[in-house]
Amino acid sequence: MNDSDTYEVLKTLESMERQIHAIKAWIQASRKPKEWLTVKEYSLRTGLRSKTVSNYCSKGIIEKKKKIDGRYLIHVSELP
C-alpha cells in the first residue's frame, strides 16, 4: 500500500467516524428520557454500589420506588 492509498483509507475512516457520531447524536436526541430506573442504572448514575441502592430502597431512604417482579424501580426524581 502506497502513501496515496493510505491517505484515502484514512480519509474514508474519518468520514465514517463523522457519520457514526452524527447517527449517535440523532439516536440520543430522539430517545424519550426514562422515568423509572433499575437499581443498576441508578447506581451507575450516582456512583453508589447496587447493593447500597437496594438497601436504601428497603429502608425507605430512596422513597419514590415501585417493586415489579421483586425488583425495585426508582423514579428519576430521586436522583441527586
Protein backbone atom coordinates (compact mmCIF):
# COMPACT_ATOMS: atom_id res chain seq x y z
CA MET A 1 0.00 0.00 0.00
CA ASN A 2 1.48 3.35 -1.00
CA ASP A 3 1.10 6.75 0.65
CA SER A 4 -1.78 7.73 -1.61
CA ASP A 5 -3.73 4.60 -0.71
CA THR A 6 -3.08 5.13 2.99
CA TYR A 7 -4.29 8.73 2.73
CA GLU A 8 -7.52 7.63 1.01
CA VAL A 9 -8.17 4.96 3.65
CA LEU A 10 -7.65 7.47 6.47
CA LYS A 11 -9.88 10.00 4.74
CA THR A 12 -12.62 7.38 4.37
CA LEU A 13 -12.30 6.34 8.02
CA GLU A 14 -12.57 9.95 9.20
CA SER A 15 -15.71 10.39 7.12
CA MET A 16 -17.20 7.22 8.60
CA GLU A 17 -16.38 8.40 12.13
CA ARG A 18 -18.20 11.69 11.49
CA GLN A 19 -21.22 9.80 10.18
CA ILE A 20 -21.25 7.46 13.19
CA HIS A 21 -21.02 10.44 15.54
CA ALA A 22 -23.97 12.11 13.77
CA ILE A 23 -26.03 8.92 13.99
CA LYS A 24 -25.28 8.54 17.72
CA ALA A 25 -26.30 12.16 18.34
CA TRP A 26 -29.54 11.66 16.40
CA ILE A 27 -30.38 8.48 18.35
CA GLN A 28 -29.76 10.13 21.71
CA ALA A 29 -31.81 13.20 20.74
CA SER A 30 -34.74 11.03 19.67
CA ARG A 31 -34.82 8.89 22.84
CA LYS A 32 -37.52 9.56 25.36
CA PRO A 33 -35.97 10.09 28.80
CA LYS A 34 -36.63 7.22 31.19
CA GLU A 35 -38.95 7.96 34.06
CA TRP A 36 -38.01 4.89 36.10
CA LEU A 37 -34.53 3.43 36.58
CA THR A 38 -33.38 -0.01 37.63
CA VAL A 39 -31.15 -0.29 40.68
CA LYS A 40 -28.17 -0.80 38.37
CA GLU A 41 -29.00 2.28 36.26
CA TYR A 42 -29.45 4.37 39.40
CA SER A 43 -26.16 3.14 40.83
CA LEU A 44 -24.32 3.93 37.59
CA ARG A 45 -25.69 7.47 37.57
CA THR A 46 -24.96 8.13 41.24
CA GLY A 47 -21.74 6.18 41.79
CA LEU A 48 -23.33 4.15 44.59
CA ARG A 49 -22.98 0.37 44.68
CA SER A 50 -26.08 -1.54 43.57
CA LYS A 51 -26.34 -3.24 46.97
CA THR A 52 -26.31 0.17 48.69
CA VAL A 53 -29.12 1.40 46.42
CA SER A 54 -31.17 -1.73 47.18
CA ASN A 55 -30.62 -1.23 50.91
CA TYR A 56 -31.68 2.43 50.63
CA CYS A 57 -34.87 1.34 48.88
CA SER A 58 -35.72 -1.26 51.52
CA LYS A 59 -35.02 1.22 54.35
CA GLY A 60 -37.07 3.99 52.73
CA ILE A 61 -34.09 6.30 52.16
CA ILE A 62 -34.97 6.29 48.48
CA GLU A 63 -38.69 6.98 48.62
CA LYS A 64 -40.11 7.11 45.10
CA LYS A 65 -39.83 3.50 44.15
CA LYS A 66 -42.01 0.68 42.95
CA LYS A 67 -41.43 -3.01 43.08
CA ILE A 68 -42.10 -5.10 39.99
CA ASP A 69 -41.39 -8.82 39.94
CA GLY A 70 -39.40 -8.42 43.17
CA ARG A 71 -37.15 -5.73 41.66
CA TYR A 72 -37.02 -2.07 42.59
CA LEU A 73 -37.55 0.66 40.03
CA ILE A 74 -36.57 4.14 41.18
CA HIS A 75 -38.14 7.34 39.92
CA VAL A 76 -35.69 9.76 38.26
CA SER A 77 -36.77 12.48 40.70
CA GLU A 78 -34.77 10.56 43.33
CA LEU A 79 -31.51 11.29 41.52
CA PRO A 80 -29.37 13.75 43.45
